[in-house]
C-alpha atoms as a PDB file:
ATOM      1  CA  MET A   1     -69.379  16.539 110.908  1.00  0.00           C
ATOM      2  CA  THR A   2     -71.694  15.444 113.575  1.00  0.00           C
ATOM      3  CA  THR A   3     -73.798  12.165 113.203  1.00  0.00           C
ATOM      4  CA  SER A   4     -77.053  14.079 113.165  1.00  0.00           C
ATOM      5  CA  THR A   5     -75.719  16.388 110.358  1.00  0.00           C
ATOM      6  CA  LEU A   6     -74.630  13.415 108.339  1.00  0.00           C
ATOM      7  CA  LEU A   7     -78.114  11.802 108.764  1.00  0.00           C
ATOM      8  CA  LEU A   8     -79.829  14.880 107.580  1.00  0.00           C
ATOM      9  CA  VAL A   9     -77.602  15.218 104.496  1.00  0.00           C
ATOM     10  CA  ILE A  10     -78.091  11.491 103.641  1.00  0.00           C
ATOM     11  CA  ALA A  11     -81.877  11.922 103.826  1.00  0.00           C
ATOM     12  CA  ALA A  12     -81.542  15.124 101.754  1.00  0.00           C
ATOM     13  CA  ALA A  13     -79.506  13.282  99.117  1.00  0.00           C
ATOM     14  CA  ILE A  14     -82.144  10.664  98.731  1.00  0.00           C
ATOM     15  CA  ALA A  15     -84.836  13.081  98.317  1.00  0.00           C
ATOM     16  CA  HIS A  16     -82.888  15.221  95.770  1.00  0.00           C
ATOM     17  CA  ALA A  17     -81.895  12.240  93.706  1.00  0.00           C
ATOM     18  CA  SER A  18     -85.535  10.974  93.600  1.00  0.00           C
ATOM     19  CA  TRP A  19     -87.025  14.283  92.506  1.00  0.00           C
ATOM     20  CA  ASN A  20     -84.352  14.787  89.812  1.00  0.00           C
ATOM     21  CA  LEU A  21     -85.060  11.267  88.281  1.00  0.00           C
ATOM     22  CA  LEU A  22     -88.846  12.512  88.142  1.00  0.00           C
ATOM     23  CA  ALA A  23     -87.878  15.742  86.738  1.00  0.00           C
ATOM     24  CA  LYS A  24     -85.988  13.893  83.845  1.00  0.00           C
ATOM     25  CA  ARG A  25     -89.161  12.135  82.903  1.00  0.00           C
ATOM     26  CA  ALA A  26     -90.823  15.411  82.280  1.00  0.00           C
ATOM     27  CA  ALA A  27     -87.860  17.357  80.892  1.00  0.00           C
ATOM     28  CA  HIS A  28     -89.639  17.948  77.362  1.00  0.00           C
ATOM     29  CA  VAL A  29     -92.533  19.892  79.090  1.00  0.00           C
ATOM     30  CA  GLY A  30     -90.109  22.787  79.897  1.00  0.00           C
ATOM     31  CA  SER A  31     -91.078  25.875  81.928  1.00  0.00           C
ATOM     32  CA  PRO A  32     -94.748  24.834  82.518  1.00  0.00           C
ATOM     33  CA  PHE A  33     -93.495  21.900  84.490  1.00  0.00           C
ATOM     34  CA  VAL A  34     -91.236  24.113  86.541  1.00  0.00           C
ATOM     35  CA  PHE A  35     -94.101  26.461  87.305  1.00  0.00           C
ATOM     36  CA  ALA A  36     -96.405  23.461  87.995  1.00  0.00           C
ATOM     37  CA  TYR A  37     -94.083  21.800  90.576  1.00  0.00           C
ATOM     38  CA  GLY A  38     -93.365  25.257  92.215  1.00  0.00           C
ATOM     39  CA  LEU A  39     -97.004  25.673  92.719  1.00  0.00           C
ATOM     40  CA  CYS A  40     -97.298  22.140  94.118  1.00  0.00           C
ATOM     41  CA  CYS A  41     -94.513  22.992  96.525  1.00  0.00           C
ATOM     42  CA  THR A  42     -96.266  26.095  97.576  1.00  0.00           C
ATOM     43  CA  ILE A  43     -99.531  24.328  98.298  1.00  0.00           C
ATOM     44  CA  VAL A  44     -98.136  21.174  99.952  1.00  0.00           C
ATOM     45  CA  TYR A  45     -95.972  23.085 102.496  1.00  0.00           C
ATOM     46  CA  ALA A  46     -98.337  26.033 103.238  1.00  0.00           C
ATOM     47  CA  PRO A  47     -99.879  24.347 106.370  1.00  0.00           C
ATOM     48  CA  TRP A  48     -96.464  23.884 107.979  1.00  0.00           C
ATOM     49  CA  VAL A  49     -95.598  27.538 107.200  1.00  0.00           C
ATOM     50  CA  ILE A  50     -98.939  28.722 108.663  1.00  0.00           C
ATOM     51  CA  TRP A  51     -98.153  26.930 111.841  1.00  0.00           C
ATOM     52  CA  ILE A  52     -94.705  28.458 112.006  1.00  0.00           C
ATOM     53  CA  LEU A  53     -96.171  31.816 111.560  1.00  0.00           C
ATOM     54  CA  ILE A  54     -98.772  31.420 114.231  1.00  0.00           C
ATOM     55  CA  PHE A  55     -96.919  29.430 116.892  1.00  0.00           C
ATOM     56  CA  GLU A  56     -93.206  30.628 116.408  1.00  0.00           C
ATOM     57  CA  GLN A  57     -91.653  33.936 116.843  1.00  0.00           C
ATOM     58  CA  ASN A  58     -90.480  35.360 113.598  1.00  0.00           C
ATOM     59  CA  GLU A  59     -88.615  38.642 112.755  1.00  0.00           C
ATOM     60  CA  TRP A  60     -88.957  40.610 109.517  1.00  0.00           C
ATOM     61  CA  SER A  61     -86.766  43.192 107.910  1.00  0.00           C
ATOM     62  CA  TRP A  62     -85.937  44.496 104.410  1.00  0.00           C
ATOM     63  CA  LEU A  63     -82.769  42.484 104.484  1.00  0.00           C
ATOM     64  CA  ILE A  64     -84.721  39.336 105.305  1.00  0.00           C
ATOM     65  CA  ALA A  65     -87.184  40.029 102.430  1.00  0.00           C
ATOM     66  CA  GLY A  66     -84.324  40.968 100.022  1.00  0.00           C
ATOM     67  CA  CYS A  67     -82.577  37.545 100.876  1.00  0.00           C
ATOM     68  CA  ILE A  68     -85.654  35.612 100.303  1.00  0.00           C
ATOM     69  CA  VAL A  69     -86.416  37.329  96.916  1.00  0.00           C
ATOM     70  CA  LEU A  70     -82.801  36.879  95.835  1.00  0.00           C
ATOM     71  CA  SER A  71     -82.843  33.317  96.692  1.00  0.00           C
ATOM     72  CA  GLY A  72     -86.188  32.917  94.832  1.00  0.00           C
ATOM     73  CA  ILE A  73     -84.651  34.292  91.642  1.00  0.00           C
ATOM     74  CA  LEU A  74     -81.467  32.074  91.886  1.00  0.00           C
ATOM     75  CA  HIS A  75     -83.540  28.990  92.569  1.00  0.00           C
ATOM     76  CA  LEU A  76     -85.732  29.783  89.550  1.00  0.00           C
ATOM     77  CA  ALA A  77     -82.732  30.316  87.323  1.00  0.00           C
ATOM     78  CA  TYR A  78     -81.361  26.895  88.491  1.00  0.00           C
ATOM     79  CA  SER A  79     -84.592  25.087  87.794  1.00  0.00           C
ATOM     80  CA  LEU A  80     -85.075  26.410  84.363  1.00  0.00           C
ATOM     81  CA  CYS A  81     -81.420  25.787  83.292  1.00  0.00           C
ATOM     82  CA  LEU A  82     -81.641  22.335  84.922  1.00  0.00           C
ATOM     83  CA  GLN A  83     -84.752  21.687  82.949  1.00  0.00           C
ATOM     84  CA  ARG A  84     -83.301  22.819  79.741  1.00  0.00           C
ATOM     85  CA  GLY A  85     -80.253  20.820  80.316  1.00  0.00           C
ATOM     86  CA  TYR A  86     -82.152  17.582  80.699  1.00  0.00           C
ATOM     87  CA  GLN A  87     -83.872  18.318  77.395  1.00  0.00           C
ATOM     88  CA  LEU A  88     -80.562  18.675  75.471  1.00  0.00           C
ATOM     89  CA  ALA A  89     -78.259  16.028  77.148  1.00  0.00           C
ATOM     90  CA  ASP A  90     -77.987  12.917  79.381  1.00  0.00           C
ATOM     91  CA  LEU A  91     -78.972  13.268  82.980  1.00  0.00           C
ATOM     92  CA  SER A  92     -75.782  11.365  83.890  1.00  0.00           C
ATOM     93  CA  VAL A  93     -73.699  14.264  82.315  1.00  0.00           C
ATOM     94  CA  VAL A  94     -75.778  17.381  83.249  1.00  0.00           C
ATOM     95  CA  TYR A  95     -76.599  16.251  86.757  1.00  0.00           C
ATOM     96  CA  PRO A  96     -73.083  15.199  87.965  1.00  0.00           C
ATOM     97  CA  ILE A  97     -71.349  18.323  86.358  1.00  0.00           C
ATOM     98  CA  ALA A  98     -73.829  20.582  88.001  1.00  0.00           C
ATOM     99  CA  ARG A  99     -73.659  18.904  91.434  1.00  0.00           C
ATOM    100  CA  GLY A 100     -69.893  18.856  91.243  1.00  0.00           C
ATOM    101  CA  THR A 101     -69.172  22.388  90.268  1.00  0.00           C
ATOM    102  CA  GLY A 102     -71.810  23.518  92.631  1.00  0.00           C
ATOM    103  CA  PRO A 103     -70.313  22.347  95.903  1.00  0.00           C
ATOM    104  CA  PHE A 104     -66.794  23.226  94.649  1.00  0.00           C
ATOM    105  CA  LEU A 105     -67.806  26.812  94.082  1.00  0.00           C
ATOM    106  CA  SER A 106     -69.806  26.838  97.225  1.00  0.00           C
ATOM    107  CA  THR A 107     -66.773  25.668  99.283  1.00  0.00           C
ATOM    108  CA  ILE A 108     -64.543  28.269  97.721  1.00  0.00           C
ATOM    109  CA  GLY A 109     -67.141  31.032  98.493  1.00  0.00           C
ATOM    110  CA  ALA A 110     -67.726  29.774 102.019  1.00  0.00           C
ATOM    111  CA  LEU A 111     -63.864  29.930 102.660  1.00  0.00           C
ATOM    112  CA  LEU A 112     -63.482  33.344 101.140  1.00  0.00           C
ATOM    113  CA  PHE A 113     -66.643  35.217 102.039  1.00  0.00           C
ATOM    114  CA  MET A 114     -67.895  33.418 105.202  1.00  0.00           C
ATOM    115  CA  HIS A 115     -64.411  32.805 106.582  1.00  0.00           C
ATOM    116  CA  GLU A 116     -64.984  28.968 107.284  1.00  0.00           C
ATOM    117  CA  PRO A 117     -62.016  27.001 108.501  1.00  0.00           C
ATOM    118  CA  ALA A 118     -60.517  24.507 105.927  1.00  0.00           C
ATOM    119  CA  SER A 119     -59.347  21.034 107.065  1.00  0.00           C
ATOM    120  CA  VAL A 120     -57.257  18.518 105.167  1.00  0.00           C
ATOM    121  CA  ALA A 121     -60.044  15.901 105.244  1.00  0.00           C
ATOM    122  CA  GLY A 122     -62.532  18.508 104.087  1.00  0.00           C
ATOM    123  CA  VAL A 123     -60.532  19.671 101.027  1.00  0.00           C
ATOM    124  CA  GLY A 124     -59.511  16.198 100.302  1.00  0.00           C
ATOM    125  CA  GLY A 125     -63.270  15.068 100.364  1.00  0.00           C
ATOM    126  CA  MET A 126     -64.231  17.826  98.207  1.00  0.00           C
ATOM    127  CA  LEU A 127     -61.562  16.975  95.591  1.00  0.00           C
ATOM    128  CA  CYS A 128     -62.656  13.351  95.582  1.00  0.00           C
ATOM    129  CA  VAL A 129     -66.070  14.415  94.920  1.00  0.00           C
ATOM    130  CA  VAL A 130     -64.946  16.720  92.004  1.00  0.00           C
ATOM    131  CA  LEU A 131     -62.803  13.850  90.553  1.00  0.00           C
ATOM    132  CA  GLY A 132     -65.701  11.612  90.650  1.00  0.00           C
ATOM    133  CA  VAL A 133     -67.790  14.122  88.776  1.00  0.00           C
ATOM    134  CA  MET A 134     -65.161  14.268  85.962  1.00  0.00           C
ATOM    135  CA  LEU A 135     -64.959  10.485  85.676  1.00  0.00           C
ATOM    136  CA  ILE A 136     -68.721  10.149  85.502  1.00  0.00           C
ATOM    137  CA  ALA A 137     -68.984  12.901  82.951  1.00  0.00           C
ATOM    138  CA  THR A 138     -66.107  11.649  80.729  1.00  0.00           C
ATOM    139  CA  GLN A 139     -66.695   7.826  81.410  1.00  0.00           C
ATOM    140  CA  GLY A 140     -62.911   7.807  82.342  1.00  0.00           C
ATOM    141  CA  GLN A 141     -61.930   9.590  79.069  1.00  0.00           C
ATOM    142  CA  ILE A 142     -61.140  13.368  79.360  1.00  0.00           C
ATOM    143  CA  ARG A 143     -61.119  13.622  75.480  1.00  0.00           C
ATOM    144  CA  ARG A 144     -64.836  12.919  75.633  1.00  0.00           C
ATOM    145  CA  LEU A 145     -65.433  16.585  76.897  1.00  0.00           C
ATOM    146  CA  MET A 146     -64.185  17.861  73.559  1.00  0.00           C
ATOM    147  CA  GLN A 147     -67.013  16.082  71.739  1.00  0.00           C
ATOM    148  CA  PRO A 148     -69.972  18.161  70.759  1.00  0.00           C
ATOM    149  CA  ALA A 149     -72.497  15.911  72.238  1.00  0.00           C
ATOM    150  CA  ALA A 150     -70.824  15.867  75.615  1.00  0.00           C
ATOM    151  CA  MET A 151     -70.003  19.587  75.665  1.00  0.00           C
ATOM    152  CA  VAL A 152     -73.562  20.351  75.581  1.00  0.00           C
ATOM    153  CA  GLY A 153     -74.188  18.558  78.884  1.00  0.00           C
ATOM    154  CA  VAL A 154     -70.986  19.948  80.368  1.00  0.00           C
ATOM    155  CA  ARG A 155     -71.896  23.535  79.505  1.00  0.00           C
ATOM    156  CA  TRP A 156     -75.444  23.280  80.890  1.00  0.00           C
ATOM    157  CA  GLY A 157     -74.144  21.374  84.053  1.00  0.00           C
ATOM    158  CA  PHE A 158     -71.522  24.116  84.735  1.00  0.00           C
ATOM    159  CA  LEU A 159     -74.119  26.844  84.321  1.00  0.00           C
ATOM    160  CA  VAL A 160     -76.485  25.049  86.765  1.00  0.00           C
ATOM    161  CA  GLY A 161     -73.608  24.546  89.105  1.00  0.00           C
ATOM    162  CA  LEU A 162     -72.955  28.332  89.211  1.00  0.00           C
ATOM    163  CA  PHE A 163     -76.555  28.888  90.334  1.00  0.00           C
ATOM    164  CA  ILE A 164     -76.283  26.102  92.858  1.00  0.00           C
ATOM    165  CA  ALA A 165     -73.237  27.747  94.539  1.00  0.00           C
ATOM    166  CA  ALA A 166     -74.857  31.139  94.382  1.00  0.00           C
ATOM    167  CA  TYR A 167     -78.140  30.152  96.112  1.00  0.00           C
ATOM    168  CA  THR A 168     -76.223  27.810  98.654  1.00  0.00           C
ATOM    169  CA  LEU A 169     -74.263  30.892  99.851  1.00  0.00           C
ATOM    170  CA  VAL A 170     -77.378  33.212  99.967  1.00  0.00           C
ATOM    171  CA  ASP A 171     -79.477  30.616 101.738  1.00  0.00           C
ATOM    172  CA  ALA A 172     -76.711  29.726 104.274  1.00  0.00           C
ATOM    173  CA  TYR A 173     -76.546  33.459 105.097  1.00  0.00           C
ATOM    174  CA  GLY A 174     -80.185  33.621 105.417  1.00  0.00           C
ATOM    175  CA  VAL A 175     -80.627  30.587 108.005  1.00  0.00           C
ATOM    176  CA  LYS A 176     -77.156  31.177 109.785  1.00  0.00           C
ATOM    177  CA  THR A 177     -76.853  34.955 110.003  1.00  0.00           C
ATOM    178  CA  LEU A 178     -80.519  36.206 109.542  1.00  0.00           C
ATOM    179  CA  ALA A 179     -81.938  33.217 111.529  1.00  0.00           C
ATOM    180  CA  ILE A 180     -84.797  32.685 109.005  1.00  0.00           C
ATOM    181  CA  ALA A 181     -86.669  29.343 109.719  1.00  0.00           C
ATOM    182  CA  PRO A 182     -85.639  26.759 107.103  1.00  0.00           C
ATOM    183  CA  VAL A 183     -89.148  25.738 106.341  1.00  0.00           C
ATOM    184  CA  LEU A 184     -90.407  29.258 105.958  1.00  0.00           C
ATOM    185  CA  PHE A 185     -87.328  30.261 103.930  1.00  0.00           C
ATOM    186  CA  ASP A 186     -87.606  27.453 101.329  1.00  0.00           C
ATOM    187  CA  TRP A 187     -91.420  27.942 100.997  1.00  0.00           C
ATOM    188  CA  ALA A 188     -91.067  31.776 100.656  1.00  0.00           C
ATOM    189  CA  THR A 189     -88.370  31.213  97.914  1.00  0.00           C
ATOM    190  CA  SER A 190     -90.498  28.726  96.147  1.00  0.00           C
ATOM    191  CA  ALA A 191     -93.488  30.987  96.264  1.00  0.00           C
ATOM    192  CA  SER A 192     -91.505  33.981  95.036  1.00  0.00           C
ATOM    193  CA  ARG A 193     -90.078  32.196  92.054  1.00  0.00           C
ATOM    194  CA  THR A 194     -93.620  30.768  91.280  1.00  0.00           C
ATOM    195  CA  LEU A 195     -94.969  34.249  91.319  1.00  0.00           C
ATOM    196  CA  ILE A 196     -92.218  35.368  89.083  1.00  0.00           C
ATOM    197  CA  MET A 197     -93.145  32.823  86.514  1.00  0.00           C
ATOM    198  CA  LEU A 198     -96.821  33.499  86.725  1.00  0.00           C
ATOM    199  CA  PRO A 199     -97.065  36.256  84.114  1.00  0.00           C
ATOM    200  CA  HIS A 200     -95.319  34.113  81.623  1.00  0.00           C
ATOM    201  CA  THR A 201     -97.558  31.174  82.188  1.00  0.00           C
ATOM    202  CA  ALA A 202    -100.521  33.265  82.248  1.00  0.00           C
ATOM    203  CA  ARG A 203     -99.951  34.440  78.701  1.00  0.00           C
ATOM    204  CA  HIS A 204    -100.740  30.941  77.303  1.00  0.00           C
ATOM    205  CA  PRO A 205    -102.678  29.197  79.999  1.00  0.00           C
ATOM    206  CA  ILE A 206    -104.142  26.545  77.609  1.00  0.00           C
ATOM    207  CA  LYS A 207    -100.909  25.772  76.097  1.00  0.00           C
ATOM    208  CA  ALA A 208     -99.359  25.409  79.543  1.00  0.00           C
ATOM    209  CA  TRP A 209    -102.236  23.144  80.744  1.00  0.00           C
ATOM    210  CA  GLU A 210    -102.043  20.871  77.604  1.00  0.00           C
ATOM    211  CA  ALA A 211     -98.254  20.613  78.130  1.00  0.00           C
ATOM    212  CA  MET A 212     -98.912  19.380  81.653  1.00  0.00           C
ATOM    213  CA  ARG A 213    -101.424  16.679  80.612  1.00  0.00           C
ATOM    214  CA  GLY A 214    -100.303  13.503  82.128  1.00  0.00           C
ATOM    215  CA  HIS A 215     -97.535  14.969  84.140  1.00  0.00           C
ATOM    216  CA  TRP A 216     -99.227  16.444  87.220  1.00  0.00           C
ATOM    217  CA  HIS A 217     -98.451  13.393  89.289  1.00  0.00           C
ATOM    218  CA  LEU A 218     -94.878  14.048  88.755  1.00  0.00           C
ATOM    219  CA  ALA A 219     -95.246  17.659  89.613  1.00  0.00           C
ATOM    220  CA  TRP A 220     -96.994  16.759  92.909  1.00  0.00           C
ATOM    221  CA  ALA A 221     -94.339  14.098  93.809  1.00  0.00           C
ATOM    222  CA  ILE A 222     -91.651  16.801  93.157  1.00  0.00           C
ATOM    223  CA  GLY A 223     -93.538  19.120  95.117  1.00  0.00           C
ATOM    224  CA  VAL A 224     -93.133  17.036  98.149  1.00  0.00           C
ATOM    225  CA  LEU A 225     -89.565  15.755  97.580  1.00  0.00           C
ATOM    226  CA  SER A 226     -87.750  18.881  96.234  1.00  0.00           C
ATOM    227  CA  PRO A 227     -88.390  21.122  99.309  1.00  0.00           C
ATOM    228  CA  LEU A 228     -87.928  18.226 101.709  1.00  0.00           C
ATOM    229  CA  GLY A 229     -84.271  17.555 100.402  1.00  0.00           C
ATOM    230  CA  TYR A 230     -83.466  21.224 100.645  1.00  0.00           C
ATOM    231  CA  ILE A 231     -85.108  21.985 103.964  1.00  0.00           C
ATOM    232  CA  LEU A 232     -83.071  19.070 105.611  1.00  0.00           C
ATOM    233  CA  VAL A 233     -79.908  20.758 104.239  1.00  0.00           C
ATOM    234  CA  LEU A 234     -81.018  24.176 105.549  1.00  0.00           C
ATOM    235  CA  TYR A 235     -81.584  22.569 109.013  1.00  0.00           C
ATOM    236  CA  ALA A 236     -78.052  21.142 109.021  1.00  0.00           C
ATOM    237  CA  LEU A 237     -76.655  24.593 108.053  1.00  0.00           C
ATOM    238  CA  ARG A 238     -78.773  26.307 110.792  1.00  0.00           C
ATOM    239  CA  ASP A 239     -77.598  23.786 113.429  1.00  0.00           C
ATOM    240  CA  GLY A 240     -73.902  25.074 112.819  1.00  0.00           C
ATOM    241  CA  ALA A 241     -72.669  22.753 110.074  1.00  0.00           C
ATOM    242  CA  PRO A 242     -70.219  24.683 107.684  1.00  0.00           C
ATOM    243  CA  VAL A 243     -71.127  25.119 104.057  1.00  0.00           C
ATOM    244  CA  SER A 244     -67.710  23.955 103.096  1.00  0.00           C
ATOM    245  CA  LEU A 245     -68.683  20.361 104.394  1.00  0.00           C
ATOM    246  CA  VAL A 246     -72.539  20.185 103.890  1.00  0.00           C
ATOM    247  CA  ALA A 247     -72.341  21.452 100.153  1.00  0.00           C
ATOM    248  CA  PRO A 248     -70.051  18.507  99.003  1.00  0.00           C
ATOM    249  CA  ALA A 249     -71.478  16.024 101.355  1.00  0.00           C
ATOM    250  CA  ARG A 250     -74.992  16.406 100.003  1.00  0.00           C
ATOM    251  CA  GLU A 251     -73.620  15.171  96.623  1.00  0.00           C
ATOM    252  CA  MET A 252     -74.293  11.843  97.601  1.00  0.00           C
ATOM    253  CA  SER A 253     -77.408  12.378  95.494  1.00  0.00           C
ATOM    254  CA  MET A 254     -75.063  12.712  92.468  1.00  0.00           C
ATOM    255  CA  LEU A 255     -73.902   9.110  93.145  1.00  0.00           C
ATOM    256  CA  LEU A 256     -77.574   7.937  93.550  1.00  0.00           C
ATOM    257  CA  VAL A 257     -78.971   9.593  90.577  1.00  0.00           C
ATOM    258  CA  THR A 258     -75.932   8.586  88.402  1.00  0.00           C
ATOM    259  CA  LEU A 259     -76.438   4.984  89.113  1.00  0.00           C
ATOM    260  CA  ALA A 260     -80.197   5.316  88.613  1.00  0.00           C
ATOM    261  CA  GLY A 261     -79.619   6.939  85.250  1.00  0.00           C
ATOM    262  CA  LEU A 262     -77.306   4.023  84.344  1.00  0.00           C
ATOM    263  CA  TYR A 263     -79.553   1.300  85.306  1.00  0.00           C
ATOM    264  CA  LEU A 264     -82.988   2.662  85.303  1.00  0.00           C
ATOM    265  CA  LEU A 265     -82.855   5.022  82.232  1.00  0.00           C
ATOM    266  CA  ARG A 266     -80.573   2.837  80.445  1.00  0.00           C
ATOM    267  CA  GLU A 267     -77.897   5.534  79.820  1.00  0.00           C
ATOM    268  CA  PRO A 268     -74.444   4.423  78.795  1.00  0.00           C
ATOM    269  CA  VAL A 269     -72.326   2.662  81.484  1.00  0.00           C
ATOM    270  CA  GLY A 270     -68.725   2.054  81.803  1.00  0.00           C
ATOM    271  CA  TRP A 271     -65.767   1.685  84.191  1.00  0.00           C
ATOM    272  CA  GLY A 272     -65.075   5.380  84.329  1.00  0.00           C
ATOM    273  CA  ARG A 273     -68.562   6.240  85.732  1.00  0.00           C
ATOM    274  CA  LEU A 274     -68.435   3.420  88.190  1.00  0.00           C
ATOM    275  CA  LEU A 275     -64.965   4.480  89.463  1.00  0.00           C
ATOM    276  CA  GLY A 276     -66.314   8.077  89.602  1.00  0.00           C
ATOM    277  CA  CYS A 277     -69.073   6.741  91.903  1.00  0.00           C
ATOM    278  CA  CYS A 278     -66.460   5.161  94.098  1.00  0.00           C
ATOM    279  CA  SER A 279     -64.461   8.425  94.319  1.00  0.00           C
ATOM    280  CA  ILE A 280     -67.578  10.325  95.368  1.00  0.00           C
ATOM    281  CA  ALA A 281     -68.322   7.745  98.011  1.00  0.00           C
ATOM    282  CA  ALA A 282     -64.751   8.087  99.432  1.00  0.00           C
ATOM    283  CA  GLY A 283     -65.138  11.963  99.359  1.00  0.00           C
ATOM    284  CA  VAL A 284     -68.237  11.711 101.429  1.00  0.00           C
ATOM    285  CA  VAL A 285     -66.510   9.533 103.946  1.00  0.00           C
ATOM    286  CA  LEU A 286     -63.724  12.105 104.179  1.00  0.00           C
ATOM    287  CA  LEU A 287     -66.151  14.858 104.586  1.00  0.00           C
ATOM    288  CA  ALA A 288     -67.942  12.985 107.254  1.00  0.00           C
ATOM    289  CA  SER A 289     -64.764  12.441 109.227  1.00  0.00           C
ATOM    290  CA  SER A 290     -63.604  16.188 109.178  1.00  0.00           C
END
């Protein structure tokens, strides 16, 4: 992985961890909050998109439109499941499981369907990340996964991970093969999933507005950070970085958000989770060297 790609991924990880911490604070709001920050994303990045449409050459086709709509649906499913998972379980269980299974499945998909080459360092780095996820989720005790309270977080985390893998592969195809501009692609998917949620939100506008009372500042912050984190990843992919390296490497955000969950949100801490953070860090080092 090149230095420029690694820097893009590090910046993306910081942005991603930050907006997930903010989303945790509004987890109880549910779907109105997902709609609100999607709307904020669309508004904040609209000027950049307009500039691209005016001054850059863009090609359009039914395949490109279909790719954008499919990505929007997958991102919406991811957002709703993540928000629901945060309502029912610890951030430091749901988030690591989601961010561990996501890159694992993304890597498998990239190797099988996009025919990306595999390296020993790359595979080793991915496995270190997955090991770190398991240690964090179980606090070093695999038997913890059998407990009902932990299983709730594991199940929701795995479901979110499936959607992460799906949209990662679709979006990689969009920027690599269809040459969609990353900012335009992310904005279009954000706008499309917001439109998909509009009829549901419009049925009970007063209820949605009341639910968002006191949370709009979080929605605006996520409206800036969420697209930024992913746009940087899309630029890394567009510049030639393989999905099988970028998908696991961006899970540095998992390490950051887990530590923040432990120390800022005062969620349970133990040697297992700290060892898991070390494993993730080692995995990122291996991925960076491959």
